[in-house]
Amino acid sequence: MRIGELSRRTGVSPRSLRYYEEQGLLTSSRSGAGQRHYSDAEVQRVSLIRRLFEAGMSSRVIATVLPCVDVPGDPGVAEETFTAMMRERERIDAEIAQLVEMRDALDVLIEANSRHRAELSTTREPAARSA
């Protein structure tokens, strides 16, 4: 199938599919005119790549994980994939911890601002009337 059909079947833009190919995540054959042709198996591969991106993995990390799909019976590849996924999980955990700290700091500022606004509303004097 050509890139347009793969795009329609997967919901991934042709531009993204070309990017996946540039990053070594996806392969195609070329026609004599240079058009990309993909096998039906690439539909599932694109779906997996999308799930890995949604899990927060970069294309570099995905490239280290995909060999587990390509060579499922290789214990070394499985171990490398496991290590890469655990590293990604640790990275995500660290980002979550940092976001929680940032949210907590913002909550302190919001509370201080709320108190300040409440004080302003109780100390306001009515505006002087012109005579």
C-alpha atoms as a PDB file:
ATOM      1  CA  MET A   1       0.000   0.000   0.000  1.00  0.00           C
ATOM      2  CA  ARG A   2       1.111   3.550  -0.583  1.00  0.00           C
ATOM      3  CA  ILE A   3       1.671   6.153   2.118  1.00  0.00           C
ATOM      4  CA  GLY A   4      -1.776   7.723   1.698  1.00  0.00           C
ATOM      5  CA  GLU A   5      -3.529   4.445   2.348  1.00  0.00           C
ATOM      6  CA  LEU A   6      -1.337   3.669   5.356  1.00  0.00           C
ATOM      7  CA  SER A   7      -2.162   7.139   6.631  1.00  0.00           C
ATOM      8  CA  ARG A   8      -5.905   6.548   6.215  1.00  0.00           C
ATOM      9  CA  ARG A   9      -5.768   3.112   7.834  1.00  0.00           C
ATOM     10  CA  THR A  10      -3.754   4.267  10.844  1.00  0.00           C
ATOM     11  CA  GLY A  11      -4.887   7.858  11.335  1.00  0.00           C
ATOM     12  CA  VAL A  12      -1.251   8.977  11.196  1.00  0.00           C
ATOM     13  CA  SER A  13      -0.327  11.782   8.823  1.00  0.00           C
ATOM     14  CA  PRO A  14       1.942  11.049   5.865  1.00  0.00           C
ATOM     15  CA  ARG A  15       4.413  13.527   7.330  1.00  0.00           C
ATOM     16  CA  SER A  16       4.581  11.511  10.571  1.00  0.00           C
ATOM     17  CA  LEU A  17       4.950   8.277   8.620  1.00  0.00           C
ATOM     18  CA  ARG A  18       7.905   9.762   6.734  1.00  0.00           C
ATOM     19  CA  TYR A  19       9.371  10.860  10.082  1.00  0.00           C
ATOM     20  CA  TYR A  20       8.953   7.327  11.473  1.00  0.00           C
ATOM     21  CA  GLU A  21      10.826   6.027   8.460  1.00  0.00           C
ATOM     22  CA  GLU A  22      13.605   8.620   8.821  1.00  0.00           C
ATOM     23  CA  GLN A  23      14.036   7.538  12.440  1.00  0.00           C
ATOM     24  CA  GLY A  24      14.286   3.870  11.457  1.00  0.00           C
ATOM     25  CA  LEU A  25      10.982   2.945  13.111  1.00  0.00           C
ATOM     26  CA  LEU A  26       9.208   1.997   9.903  1.00  0.00           C
ATOM     27  CA  THR A  27      10.390   0.569   6.600  1.00  0.00           C
ATOM     28  CA  SER A  28       9.057   0.688   3.085  1.00  0.00           C
ATOM     29  CA  SER A  29      10.065  -0.458  -0.345  1.00  0.00           C
ATOM     30  CA  ARG A  30      10.267   1.983  -3.233  1.00  0.00           C
ATOM     31  CA  SER A  31       8.687   1.813  -6.636  1.00  0.00           C
ATOM     32  CA  GLY A  32      10.652   2.676  -9.747  1.00  0.00           C
ATOM     33  CA  ALA A  33       9.219   6.188  -9.443  1.00  0.00           C
ATOM     34  CA  GLY A  34      10.413   6.430  -5.844  1.00  0.00           C
ATOM     35  CA  GLN A  35       6.984   6.056  -4.205  1.00  0.00           C
ATOM     36  CA  ARG A  36       6.898   4.381  -0.813  1.00  0.00           C
ATOM     37  CA  HIS A  37       5.107   1.041  -0.528  1.00  0.00           C
ATOM     38  CA  TYR A  38       4.246  -0.549   2.809  1.00  0.00           C
ATOM     39  CA  SER A  39       3.174  -4.060   3.716  1.00  0.00           C
ATOM     40  CA  ASP A  40      -0.051  -4.772   5.601  1.00  0.00           C
ATOM     41  CA  ALA A  41       2.080  -5.578   8.668  1.00  0.00           C
ATOM     42  CA  GLU A  42       3.084  -1.918   8.874  1.00  0.00           C
ATOM     43  CA  VAL A  43      -0.447  -1.008   9.994  1.00  0.00           C
ATOM     44  CA  GLN A  44       0.105  -2.857  13.275  1.00  0.00           C
ATOM     45  CA  ARG A  45       3.628  -1.483  13.584  1.00  0.00           C
ATOM     46  CA  VAL A  46       2.374   2.104  13.219  1.00  0.00           C
ATOM     47  CA  SER A  47      -0.257   1.388  15.889  1.00  0.00           C
ATOM     48  CA  LEU A  48       2.474   0.152  18.234  1.00  0.00           C
ATOM     49  CA  ILE A  49       4.676   3.158  17.480  1.00  0.00           C
ATOM     50  CA  ARG A  50       1.770   5.477  18.309  1.00  0.00           C
ATOM     51  CA  ARG A  51       1.184   3.702  21.637  1.00  0.00           C
ATOM     52  CA  LEU A  52       4.867   4.025  22.486  1.00  0.00           C
ATOM     53  CA  PHE A  53       4.813   7.753  21.670  1.00  0.00           C
ATOM     54  CA  GLU A  54       1.656   8.126  23.786  1.00  0.00           C
ATOM     55  CA  ALA A  55       3.534   6.436  26.644  1.00  0.00           C
ATOM     56  CA  GLY A  56       5.994   9.322  26.495  1.00  0.00           C
ATOM     57  CA  MET A  57       8.836   7.587  24.703  1.00  0.00           C
ATOM     58  CA  SER A  58      11.033   9.469  22.266  1.00  0.00           C
ATOM     59  CA  SER A  59      11.768   8.114  18.805  1.00  0.00           C
ATOM     60  CA  ARG A  60      15.269   7.257  20.025  1.00  0.00           C
ATOM     61  CA  VAL A  61      13.895   5.085  22.824  1.00  0.00           C
ATOM     62  CA  ILE A  62      11.259   3.557  20.558  1.00  0.00           C
ATOM     63  CA  ALA A  63      14.060   2.527  18.198  1.00  0.00           C
ATOM     64  CA  THR A  64      15.624   0.573  21.076  1.00  0.00           C
ATOM     65  CA  VAL A  65      12.300  -1.090  21.963  1.00  0.00           C
ATOM     66  CA  LEU A  66      11.153  -2.154  18.493  1.00  0.00           C
ATOM     67  CA  PRO A  67      13.783  -4.882  18.018  1.00  0.00           C
ATOM     68  CA  CYS A  68      11.905  -6.840  20.692  1.00  0.00           C
ATOM     69  CA  VAL A  69       8.976  -6.947  18.277  1.00  0.00           C
ATOM     70  CA  ASP A  70      11.180  -7.759  15.311  1.00  0.00           C
ATOM     71  CA  VAL A  71      13.162 -10.500  17.088  1.00  0.00           C
ATOM     72  CA  PRO A  72      10.812 -11.693  19.853  1.00  0.00           C
ATOM     73  CA  GLY A  73      12.769 -14.848  20.714  1.00  0.00           C
ATOM     74  CA  ASP A  74      16.100 -13.162  21.455  1.00  0.00           C
ATOM     75  CA  PRO A  75      16.678 -12.964  25.241  1.00  0.00           C
ATOM     76  CA  GLY A  76      19.322 -10.240  24.826  1.00  0.00           C
ATOM     77  CA  VAL A  77      16.949  -8.047  22.855  1.00  0.00           C
ATOM     78  CA  ALA A  78      14.196  -8.673  25.406  1.00  0.00           C
ATOM     79  CA  GLU A  79      16.540  -7.652  28.220  1.00  0.00           C
ATOM     80  CA  GLU A  80      17.624  -4.467  26.404  1.00  0.00           C
ATOM     81  CA  THR A  81      13.989  -3.606  25.776  1.00  0.00           C
ATOM     82  CA  PHE A  82      13.082  -4.161  29.423  1.00  0.00           C
ATOM     83  CA  THR A  83      15.972  -1.943  30.532  1.00  0.00           C
ATOM     84  CA  ALA A  84      14.949   0.814  28.102  1.00  0.00           C
ATOM     85  CA  MET A  85      11.329   0.701  29.282  1.00  0.00           C
ATOM     86  CA  MET A  86      12.358   0.802  32.944  1.00  0.00           C
ATOM     87  CA  ARG A  87      14.594   3.813  32.255  1.00  0.00           C
ATOM     88  CA  GLU A  88      11.676   5.555  30.595  1.00  0.00           C
ATOM     89  CA  ARG A  89       9.415   4.765  33.529  1.00  0.00           C
ATOM     90  CA  GLU A  90      11.968   6.221  35.928  1.00  0.00           C
ATOM     91  CA  ARG A  91      12.248   9.339  33.762  1.00  0.00           C
ATOM     92  CA  ILE A  92       8.474   9.750  33.768  1.00  0.00           C
ATOM     93  CA  ASP A  93       8.335   9.215  37.547  1.00  0.00           C
ATOM     94  CA  ALA A  94      10.940  11.966  38.000  1.00  0.00           C
ATOM     95  CA  GLU A  95       8.938  14.314  35.761  1.00  0.00           C
ATOM     96  CA  ILE A  96       5.773  13.552  37.728  1.00  0.00           C
ATOM     97  CA  ALA A  97       7.557  14.308  41.006  1.00  0.00           C
ATOM     98  CA  GLN A  98       8.821  17.595  39.593  1.00  0.00           C
ATOM     99  CA  LEU A  99       5.335  18.519  38.359  1.00  0.00           C
ATOM    100  CA  VAL A 100       3.853  17.753  41.789  1.00  0.00           C
ATOM    101  CA  GLU A 101       6.452  20.037  43.408  1.00  0.00           C
ATOM    102  CA  MET A 102       5.634  22.788  40.918  1.00  0.00           C
ATOM    103  CA  ARG A 103       1.904  22.383  41.542  1.00  0.00           C
ATOM    104  CA  ASP A 104       2.444  22.529  45.310  1.00  0.00           C
ATOM    105  CA  ALA A 105       4.494  25.723  44.968  1.00  0.00           C
ATOM    106  CA  LEU A 106       1.757  27.228  42.799  1.00  0.00           C
ATOM    107  CA  ASP A 107      -0.865  26.235  45.401  1.00  0.00           C
ATOM    108  CA  VAL A 108       1.074  28.238  48.025  1.00  0.00           C
ATOM    109  CA  LEU A 109       1.068  31.273  45.736  1.00  0.00           C
ATOM    110  CA  ILE A 110      -2.627  30.865  44.954  1.00  0.00           C
ATOM    111  CA  GLU A 111      -3.438  30.695  48.662  1.00  0.00           C
ATOM    112  CA  ALA A 112      -1.382  33.819  49.363  1.00  0.00           C
ATOM    113  CA  ASN A 113      -3.098  35.635  46.509  1.00  0.00           C
ATOM    114  CA  SER A 114      -6.519  34.532  47.776  1.00  0.00           C
ATOM    115  CA  ARG A 115      -5.759  35.927  51.244  1.00  0.00           C
ATOM    116  CA  HIS A 116      -4.500  39.169  49.711  1.00  0.00           C
ATOM    117  CA  ARG A 117      -7.632  39.544  47.577  1.00  0.00           C
ATOM    118  CA  ALA A 118      -9.830  38.882  50.619  1.00  0.00           C
ATOM    119  CA  GLU A 119      -7.962  41.559  52.600  1.00  0.00           C
ATOM    120  CA  LEU A 120      -8.374  44.038  49.750  1.00  0.00           C
ATOM    121  CA  SER A 121     -12.101  43.451  49.550  1.00  0.00           C
ATOM    122  CA  THR A 122     -12.594  44.080  53.293  1.00  0.00           C
ATOM    123  CA  THR A 123     -10.406  47.208  53.473  1.00  0.00           C
ATOM    124  CA  ARG A 124     -11.802  48.988  50.440  1.00  0.00           C
ATOM    125  CA  GLU A 125     -13.489  52.237  51.232  1.00  0.00           C
ATOM    126  CA  PRO A 126     -16.358  53.432  49.151  1.00  0.00           C
ATOM    127  CA  ALA A 127     -15.233  55.800  46.435  1.00  0.00           C
ATOM    128  CA  ALA A 128     -15.617  59.471  47.298  1.00  0.00           C
ATOM    129  CA  ARG A 129     -18.557  61.111  45.600  1.00  0.00           C
ATOM    130  CA  SER A 130     -18.059  64.265  43.593  1.00  0.00           C
ATOM    131  CA  ALA A 131     -19.982  67.259  44.783  1.00  0.00           C
END
